[in-house]
PDB file of N, CA and C in Angstrom:
ATOM      1  N   MET A   1       0.803  -1.048  -0.499  1.00  0.00           N
ATOM      2  CA  MET A   1      -0.206  -0.166  -0.176  1.00  0.00           C
ATOM      3  C   MET A   1       0.252   1.112   0.090  1.00  0.00           C
ATOM      4  N   GLU A   2       0.590   2.378  -0.793  1.00  0.00           N
ATOM      5  CA  GLU A   2       1.524   3.659  -1.122  1.00  0.00           C
ATOM      6  C   GLU A   2       1.147   3.882   0.365  1.00  0.00           C
ATOM      7  N   GLN A   3       2.034   4.856   0.871  1.00  0.00           N
ATOM      8  CA  GLN A   3       2.015   5.753   1.628  1.00  0.00           C
ATOM      9  C   GLN A   3       1.159   7.554   1.236  1.00  0.00           C
ATOM     10  N   PRO A   4       0.286   7.615   2.442  1.00  0.00           N
ATOM     11  CA  PRO A   4      -0.652   8.735   1.939  1.00  0.00           C
ATOM     12  C   PRO A   4       0.337  10.129   2.230  1.00  0.00           C
ATOM     13  N   THR A   5      -0.496  10.686   1.445  1.00  0.00           N
ATOM     14  CA  THR A   5       0.106  12.444   1.995  1.00  0.00           C
ATOM     15  C   THR A   5      -0.639  12.657   2.755  1.00  0.00           C
ATOM     16  N   PHE A   6       0.159  13.841   3.590  1.00  0.00           N
ATOM     17  CA  PHE A   6      -0.287  14.653   4.603  1.00  0.00           C
ATOM     18  C   PHE A   6      -1.805  14.990   4.236  1.00  0.00           C
ATOM     19  N   GLU A   7      -1.856  15.368   3.172  1.00  0.00           N
ATOM     20  CA  GLU A   7      -3.236  16.104   2.853  1.00  0.00           C
ATOM     21  C   GLU A   7      -4.186  14.987   3.212  1.00  0.00           C
ATOM     22  N   GLY A   8      -3.899  13.747   2.387  1.00  0.00           N
ATOM     23  CA  GLY A   8      -4.672  12.832   1.862  1.00  0.00           C
ATOM     24  C   GLY A   8      -4.964  12.090   3.457  1.00  0.00           C
ATOM     25  N   ALA A   9      -4.348  12.303   4.428  1.00  0.00           N
ATOM     26  CA  ALA A   9      -4.161  11.768   5.566  1.00  0.00           C
ATOM     27  C   ALA A   9      -5.301  12.728   6.538  1.00  0.00           C
ATOM     28  N   LEU A  10      -5.036  13.951   6.103  1.00  0.00           N
ATOM     29  CA  LEU A  10      -5.872  14.481   6.841  1.00  0.00           C
ATOM     30  C   LEU A  10      -6.991  14.561   6.641  1.00  0.00           C
ATOM     31  N   LYS A  11      -7.586  14.460   5.385  1.00  0.00           N
ATOM     32  CA  LYS A  11      -8.910  14.062   4.786  1.00  0.00           C
ATOM     33  C   LYS A  11      -9.603  12.740   5.508  1.00  0.00           C
ATOM     34  N   ARG A  12      -9.092  11.725   5.438  1.00  0.00           N
ATOM     35  CA  ARG A  12      -9.423  10.904   5.438  1.00  0.00           C
ATOM     36  C   ARG A  12      -9.572  10.698   6.943  1.00  0.00           C
ATOM     37  N   LEU A  13      -9.153  11.146   7.775  1.00  0.00           N
ATOM     38  CA  LEU A  13      -8.836  11.770   9.397  1.00  0.00           C
ATOM     39  C   LEU A  13     -10.776  12.119   9.569  1.00  0.00           C
ATOM     40  N   GLU A  14     -10.883  13.634   9.399  1.00  0.00           N
ATOM     41  CA  GLU A  14     -11.745  14.078   8.797  1.00  0.00           C
ATOM     42  C   GLU A  14     -12.959  12.955   8.605  1.00  0.00           C
ATOM     43  N   GLU A  15     -12.764  12.063   7.795  1.00  0.00           N
ATOM     44  CA  GLU A  15     -14.244  11.290   7.449  1.00  0.00           C
ATOM     45  C   GLU A  15     -13.989  10.392   8.559  1.00  0.00           C
ATOM     46  N   ILE A  16     -13.244  10.085   9.007  1.00  0.00           N
ATOM     47  CA  ILE A  16     -13.349   9.052  10.180  1.00  0.00           C
ATOM     48  C   ILE A  16     -13.779   9.715  11.886  1.00  0.00           C
ATOM     49  N   VAL A  17     -14.148  11.038  11.420  1.00  0.00           N
ATOM     50  CA  VAL A  17     -14.176  11.746  12.823  1.00  0.00           C
ATOM     51  C   VAL A  17     -15.627  11.855  12.548  1.00  0.00           C
ATOM     52  N   THR A  18     -16.143  11.924  11.222  1.00  0.00           N
ATOM     53  CA  THR A  18     -17.615  11.936  10.794  1.00  0.00           C
ATOM     54  C   THR A  18     -18.194  10.993  11.028  1.00  0.00           C
ATOM     55  N   HIS A  19     -17.534  10.357  10.679  1.00  0.00           N
ATOM     56  CA  HIS A  19     -18.693   8.265  10.604  1.00  0.00           C
ATOM     57  C   HIS A  19     -18.527   8.183  12.280  1.00  0.00           C
ATOM     58  N   LEU A  20     -17.587   8.768  13.011  1.00  0.00           N
ATOM     59  CA  LEU A  20     -17.271   8.120  14.528  1.00  0.00           C
ATOM     60  C   LEU A  20     -18.954   8.963  14.935  1.00  0.00           C
ATOM     61  N   GLU A  21     -18.844  10.682  14.624  1.00  0.00           N
ATOM     62  CA  GLU A  21     -19.702  11.305  15.315  1.00  0.00           C
ATOM     63  C   GLU A  21     -21.323  10.709  15.138  1.00  0.00           C
ATOM     64  N   ARG A  22     -21.596  10.610  14.294  1.00  0.00           N
ATOM     65  CA  ARG A  22     -22.886   9.938  13.250  1.00  0.00           C
ATOM     66  C   ARG A  22     -23.071   8.920  14.119  1.00  0.00           C
ATOM     67  N   ASN A  23     -22.173   8.063  15.027  1.00  0.00           N
ATOM     68  CA  ASN A  23     -22.548   6.770  15.892  1.00  0.00           C
ATOM     69  C   ASN A  23     -23.651   6.030  15.364  1.00  0.00           C
ATOM     70  N   GLU A  24     -23.124   5.897  13.763  1.00  0.00           N
ATOM     71  CA  GLU A  24     -24.000   4.964  12.866  1.00  0.00           C
ATOM     72  C   GLU A  24     -23.439   3.086  12.675  1.00  0.00           C
ATOM     73  N   LEU A  25     -22.143   2.992  13.150  1.00  0.00           N
ATOM     74  CA  LEU A  25     -21.260   2.497  12.987  1.00  0.00           C
ATOM     75  C   LEU A  25     -21.728   1.395  14.185  1.00  0.00           C
ATOM     76  N   ASP A  26     -21.314   0.162  14.149  1.00  0.00           N
ATOM     77  CA  ASP A  26     -21.645  -0.952  15.319  1.00  0.00           C
ATOM     78  C   ASP A  26     -19.781  -0.876  16.114  1.00  0.00           C
ATOM     79  N   LEU A  27     -19.877  -1.361  17.442  1.00  0.00           N
ATOM     80  CA  LEU A  27     -18.696  -1.511  17.712  1.00  0.00           C
ATOM     81  C   LEU A  27     -17.394  -1.756  17.332  1.00  0.00           C
ATOM     82  N   GLU A  28     -17.768  -3.069  16.812  1.00  0.00           N
ATOM     83  CA  GLU A  28     -16.397  -3.658  15.804  1.00  0.00           C
ATOM     84  C   GLU A  28     -15.929  -2.212  14.779  1.00  0.00           C
ATOM     85  N   GLN A  29     -16.714  -1.812  14.018  1.00  0.00           N
ATOM     86  CA  GLN A  29     -16.248  -0.844  13.092  1.00  0.00           C
ATOM     87  C   GLN A  29     -15.673   0.245  13.638  1.00  0.00           C
ATOM     88  N   SER A  30     -16.566   0.787  14.759  1.00  0.00           N
ATOM     89  CA  SER A  30     -16.021   1.958  15.540  1.00  0.00           C
ATOM     90  C   SER A  30     -14.684   1.770  15.574  1.00  0.00           C
ATOM     91  N   LEU A  31     -14.313   0.566  16.479  1.00  0.00           N
ATOM     92  CA  LEU A  31     -13.108   0.508  16.963  1.00  0.00           C
ATOM     93  C   LEU A  31     -11.821   0.516  15.518  1.00  0.00           C
ATOM     94  N   GLN A  32     -12.550  -0.504  14.427  1.00  0.00           N
ATOM     95  CA  GLN A  32     -11.456  -0.023  13.413  1.00  0.00           C
ATOM     96  C   GLN A  32     -11.065   1.110  12.867  1.00  0.00           C
ATOM     97  N   ARG A  33     -11.736   1.957  12.873  1.00  0.00           N
ATOM     98  CA  ARG A  33     -11.711   3.366  12.040  1.00  0.00           C
ATOM     99  C   ARG A  33     -11.025   4.444  13.258  1.00  0.00           C
ATOM    100  N   PHE A  34     -11.497   3.841  14.631  1.00  0.00           N
ATOM    101  CA  PHE A  34     -10.638   4.884  15.621  1.00  0.00           C
ATOM    102  C   PHE A  34      -9.153   4.130  15.661  1.00  0.00           C
ATOM    103  N   GLU A  35      -8.885   2.830  15.577  1.00  0.00           N
ATOM    104  CA  GLU A  35      -7.205   2.429  14.921  1.00  0.00           C
ATOM    105  C   GLU A  35      -6.942   3.382  13.687  1.00  0.00           C
ATOM    106  N   GLU A  36      -7.143   3.215  12.825  1.00  0.00           N
ATOM    107  CA  GLU A  36      -6.961   3.861  11.494  1.00  0.00           C
ATOM    108  C   GLU A  36      -6.804   5.361  11.661  1.00  0.00           C
ATOM    109  N   GLY A  37      -7.545   5.675  12.525  1.00  0.00           N
ATOM    110  CA  GLY A  37      -7.401   7.047  13.131  1.00  0.00           C
ATOM    111  C   GLY A  37      -6.112   7.508  13.643  1.00  0.00           C
ATOM    112  N   VAL A  38      -6.067   6.567  14.793  1.00  0.00           N
ATOM    113  CA  VAL A  38      -4.942   6.800  15.557  1.00  0.00           C
ATOM    114  C   VAL A  38      -3.542   7.042  14.503  1.00  0.00           C
ATOM    115  N   LYS A  39      -3.933   5.664  13.511  1.00  0.00           N
ATOM    116  CA  LYS A  39      -2.137   5.861  12.997  1.00  0.00           C
ATOM    117  C   LYS A  39      -2.292   7.045  11.859  1.00  0.00           C
ATOM    118  N   LEU A  40      -3.315   7.440  11.390  1.00  0.00           N
ATOM    119  CA  LEU A  40      -3.030   8.543  10.925  1.00  0.00           C
ATOM    120  C   LEU A  40      -2.925   9.718  11.113  1.00  0.00           C
ATOM    121  N   ILE A  41      -3.218   9.842  12.711  1.00  0.00           N
ATOM    122  CA  ILE A  41      -2.606  11.148  13.381  1.00  0.00           C
ATOM    123  C   ILE A  41      -1.525  10.709  13.922  1.00  0.00           C
ATOM    124  N   ARG A  42      -0.573   9.604  13.660  1.00  0.00           N
ATOM    125  CA  ARG A  42       0.827   9.458  14.361  1.00  0.00           C
ATOM    126  C   ARG A  42       1.489   9.742  13.175  1.00  0.00           C
ATOM    127  N   PHE A  43       1.012   9.301  11.721  1.00  0.00           N
ATOM    128  CA  PHE A  43       1.489   9.517  10.745  1.00  0.00           C
ATOM    129  C   PHE A  43       1.685  11.024  10.179  1.00  0.00           C
ATOM    130  N   CYS A  44       0.520  11.956  10.620  1.00  0.00           N
ATOM    131  CA  CYS A  44       0.831  13.316  10.246  1.00  0.00           C
ATOM    132  C   CYS A  44       1.717  13.851  11.164  1.00  0.00           C
ATOM    133  N   ALA A  45       1.712  13.882  12.527  1.00  0.00           N
ATOM    134  CA  ALA A  45       2.554  14.549  13.416  1.00  0.00           C
ATOM    135  C   ALA A  45       3.919  14.001  13.540  1.00  0.00           C
ATOM    136  N   THR A  46       4.036  12.727  12.503  1.00  0.00           N
ATOM    137  CA  THR A  46       6.016  12.437  12.383  1.00  0.00           C
ATOM    138  C   THR A  46       5.971  13.437  11.203  1.00  0.00           C
ATOM    139  N   ARG A  47       5.214  13.375   9.962  1.00  0.00           N
ATOM    140  CA  ARG A  47       5.082  14.570   8.764  1.00  0.00           C
ATOM    141  C   ARG A  47       5.617  15.862   9.605  1.00  0.00           C
ATOM    142  N   LEU A  48       5.150  16.600  10.372  1.00  0.00           N
ATOM    143  CA  LEU A  48       5.009  17.787  10.659  1.00  0.00           C
ATOM    144  C   LEU A  48       6.316  17.777  11.339  1.00  0.00           C
ATOM    145  N   ASP A  49       6.698  17.301  12.126  1.00  0.00           N
ATOM    146  CA  ASP A  49       7.606  17.049  12.932  1.00  0.00           C
ATOM    147  C   ASP A  49       9.172  17.259  11.745  1.00  0.00           C
ATOM    148  N   GLU A  50       8.840  16.121  10.816  1.00  0.00           N
ATOM    149  CA  GLU A  50       9.788  16.250   9.971  1.00  0.00           C
ATOM    150  C   GLU A  50      10.053  17.694   9.206  1.00  0.00           C
ATOM    151  N   ALA A  51       9.185  18.480   8.743  1.00  0.00           N
ATOM    152  CA  ALA A  51       8.898  19.411   8.160  1.00  0.00           C
ATOM    153  C   ALA A  51       9.469  20.520   9.056  1.00  0.00           C
ATOM    154  N   GLU A  52       9.474  20.495  10.346  1.00  0.00           N
ATOM    155  CA  GLU A  52      10.198  21.383  10.794  1.00  0.00           C
ATOM    156  C   GLU A  52      11.753  21.205  11.488  1.00  0.00           C
ATOM    157  N   ARG A  53      11.747  19.962  11.304  1.00  0.00           N
ATOM    158  CA  ARG A  53      13.707  20.154  10.891  1.00  0.00           C
ATOM    159  C   ARG A  53      13.884  20.625   9.792  1.00  0.00           C
ATOM    160  N   ARG A  54      13.262  20.434   8.693  1.00  0.00           N
ATOM    161  CA  ARG A  54      13.900  20.683   7.543  1.00  0.00           C
ATOM    162  C   ARG A  54      13.604  22.141   7.194  1.00  0.00           C
ATOM    163  N   ILE A  55      12.971  23.257   7.997  1.00  0.00           N
ATOM    164  CA  ILE A  55      12.855  24.292   8.293  1.00  0.00           C
ATOM    165  C   ILE A  55      13.961  25.175   8.917  1.00  0.00           C
ATOM    166  N   GLU A  56      14.026  24.450  10.059  1.00  0.00           N
ATOM    167  CA  GLU A  56      15.522  24.775  11.210  1.00  0.00           C
ATOM    168  C   GLU A  56      16.489  24.397  10.447  1.00  0.00           C
ATOM    169  N   ILE A  57      16.950  23.254   9.522  1.00  0.00           N
ATOM    170  CA  ILE A  57      17.889  23.021   8.916  1.00  0.00           C
ATOM    171  C   ILE A  57      18.153  24.237   7.623  1.00  0.00           C
ATOM    172  N   LEU A  58      17.159  24.616   7.000  1.00  0.00           N
ATOM    173  CA  LEU A  58      16.800  25.377   5.668  1.00  0.00           C
ATOM    174  C   LEU A  58      17.399  27.096   5.941  1.00  0.00           C
ATOM    175  N   LEU A  59      17.232  26.947   7.471  1.00  0.00           N
ATOM    176  CA  LEU A  59      17.304  28.869   7.818  1.00  0.00           C
ATOM    177  C   LEU A  59      18.292  29.316   7.595  1.00  0.00           C
ATOM    178  N   ALA A  60      18.862  30.348   7.233  1.00  0.00           N
ATOM    179  CA  ALA A  60      20.152  31.174   6.131  1.00  0.00           C
ATOM    180  C   ALA A  60      20.109  32.489   7.806  1.00  0.00           C
ATOM    181  N   ASP A  61      21.829  32.601   8.066  1.00  0.00           N
ATOM    182  CA  ASP A  61      22.125  33.623   8.813  1.00  0.00           C
ATOM    183  C   ASP A  61      22.203  34.628   7.471  1.00  0.00           C
ATOM    184  N   GLN A  62      22.047  36.463   7.944  1.00  0.00           N
ATOM    185  CA  GLN A  62      22.899  37.525   7.093  1.00  0.00           C
ATOM    186  C   GLN A  62      23.681  36.911   6.099  1.00  0.00           C
ATOM    187  N   GLY A  63      24.784  36.330   6.403  1.00  0.00           N
ATOM    188  CA  GLY A  63      26.109  35.901   5.796  1.00  0.00           C
ATOM    189  C   GLY A  63      25.814  35.404   4.497  1.00  0.00           C
ATOM    190  N   GLY A  64      24.511  34.473   4.701  1.00  0.00           N
ATOM    191  CA  GLY A  64      23.844  33.356   3.327  1.00  0.00           C
ATOM    192  C   GLY A  64      24.924  31.888   4.128  1.00  0.00           C
ATOM    193  N   ARG A  65      24.938  31.971   5.530  1.00  0.00           N
ATOM    194  CA  ARG A  65      25.152  30.522   6.195  1.00  0.00           C
ATOM    195  C   ARG A  65      24.021  29.899   6.931  1.00  0.00           C
ATOM    196  N   LEU A  66      23.971  28.867   6.581  1.00  0.00           N
ATOM    197  CA  LEU A  66      22.438  27.889   6.881  1.00  0.00           C
ATOM    198  C   LEU A  66      22.910  27.860   8.473  1.00  0.00           C
ATOM    199  N   HIS A  67      21.850  27.757   9.195  1.00  0.00           N
ATOM    200  CA  HIS A  67      22.226  27.150  10.588  1.00  0.00           C
ATOM    201  C   HIS A  67      20.745  26.380  11.036  1.00  0.00           C
ATOM    202  N   ALA A  68      20.856  25.558  11.932  1.00  0.00           N
ATOM    203  CA  ALA A  68      19.436  25.442  12.946  1.00  0.00           C
ATOM    204  C   ALA A  68      19.154  26.445  13.668  1.00  0.00           C
ATOM    205  N   GLU A  69      17.872  27.184  13.743  1.00  0.00           N
ATOM    206  CA  GLU A  69      17.564  27.968  14.556  1.00  0.00           C
ATOM    207  C   GLU A  69      15.957  26.963  14.918  1.00  0.00           C
ATOM    208  N   PRO A  70      15.404  27.178  16.166  1.00  0.00           N
ATOM    209  CA  PRO A  70      14.175  26.704  16.496  1.00  0.00           C
ATOM    210  C   PRO A  70      13.134  27.342  15.854  1.00  0.00           C
ATOM    211  N   PHE A  71      11.872  26.551  15.273  1.00  0.00           N
ATOM    212  CA  PHE A  71      10.925  27.592  14.899  1.00  0.00           C
ATOM    213  C   PHE A  71      10.285  28.487  15.830  1.00  0.00           C
ATOM    214  N   PRO A  72       9.887  29.568  15.907  1.00  0.00           N
ATOM    215  CA  PRO A  72       8.884  30.213  16.916  1.00  0.00           C
ATOM    216  C   PRO A  72       7.376  29.039  17.105  1.00  0.00           C
ATOM    217  N   GLU A  73       7.573  28.654  18.241  1.00  0.00           N
ATOM    218  CA  GLU A  73       6.795  28.885  18.738  1.00  0.00           C
ATOM    219  C   GLU A  73       4.807  29.912  18.629  1.00  0.00           C
ATOM    220  N   ASP A  74       5.384  30.903  18.646  1.00  0.00           N
ATOM    221  CA  ASP A  74       4.464  32.115  18.296  1.00  0.00           C
ATOM    222  C   ASP A  74       3.887  32.088  17.029  1.00  0.00           C
ATOM    223  N   SER A  75       4.837  31.690  15.704  1.00  0.00           N
ATOM    224  CA  SER A  75       4.107  31.602  14.837  1.00  0.00           C
ATOM    225  C   SER A  75       3.274  30.431  14.640  1.00  0.00           C
ATOM    226  N   LEU A  76       3.456  29.389  15.358  1.00  0.00           N
ATOM    227  CA  LEU A  76       2.371  28.334  15.210  1.00  0.00           C
ATOM    228  C   LEU A  76       0.738  28.995  15.970  1.00  0.00           C
ATOM    229  N   GLU A  77       1.060  29.605  16.894  1.00  0.00           N
ATOM    230  CA  GLU A  77      -0.208  29.490  17.586  1.00  0.00           C
ATOM    231  C   GLU A  77      -1.024  30.743  17.010  1.00  0.00           C
ATOM    232  N   GLU A  78      -0.130  31.624  15.874  1.00  0.00           N
ATOM    233  CA  GLU A  78      -0.688  33.199  15.338  1.00  0.00           C
ATOM    234  C   GLU A  78      -1.385  32.000  13.835  1.00  0.00           C
ATOM    235  N   GLY A  79      -1.042  31.348  13.164  1.00  0.00           N
ATOM    236  CA  GLY A  79      -1.013  31.014  11.909  1.00  0.00           C
ATOM    237  C   GLY A  79      -2.031  29.532  11.918  1.00  0.00           C
ATOM    238  N   ASN A  80      -2.752  29.306  13.649  1.00  0.00           N
ATOM    239  CA  ASN A  80      -3.359  28.326  13.533  1.00  0.00           C
ATOM    240  C   ASN A  80      -4.899  28.289  13.653  1.00  0.00           C
ATOM    241  N   SER A  81      -5.252  29.226  12.621  1.00  0.00           N
ATOM    242  CA  SER A  81      -6.280  29.726  12.272  1.00  0.00           C
ATOM    243  C   SER A  81      -7.124  28.157  11.436  1.00  0.00           C
ATOM    244  N   GLY A  82      -6.431  27.512  10.369  1.00  0.00           N
ATOM    245  CA  GLY A  82      -7.081  26.684  10.155  1.00  0.00           C
ATOM    246  C   GLY A  82      -7.022  26.930   8.496  1.00  0.00           C
ATOM    247  N   GLY A  83      -6.661  28.184   7.921  1.00  0.00           N
ATOM    248  CA  GLY A  83      -6.905  28.373   6.705  1.00  0.00           C
ATOM    249  C   GLY A  83      -5.378  28.609   6.364  1.00  0.00           C
ATOM    250  N   VAL A  84      -5.315  29.005   5.350  1.00  0.00           N
ATOM    251  CA  VAL A  84      -3.939  28.878   4.249  1.00  0.00           C
ATOM    252  C   VAL A  84      -4.379  30.461   3.548  1.00  0.00           C
ATOM    253  N   SER A  85      -3.166  30.924   4.073  1.00  0.00           N
ATOM    254  CA  SER A  85      -3.094  32.938   3.435  1.00  0.00           C
ATOM    255  C   SER A  85      -2.394  32.694   2.209  1.00  0.00           C
TER     256      SER A  85
END
């Protein structure tokens, strides 16, 4: 099976949440969807961690030298509106 994209994993996770919220599934189906959702959450968290590390690596100083710098936590909170600008 091919690895999902981050966006594909998020979309599938939204579908799973919708199914679980509707409460239309039997217990076994709910457990299967929940397990799938947990795997998708872990996948997305890993991808976000990888992206953060890449950003840290790619930051350059004024002289053009690359150096690692932690991603500012404030930027994450400000940009957490759910949409893309």
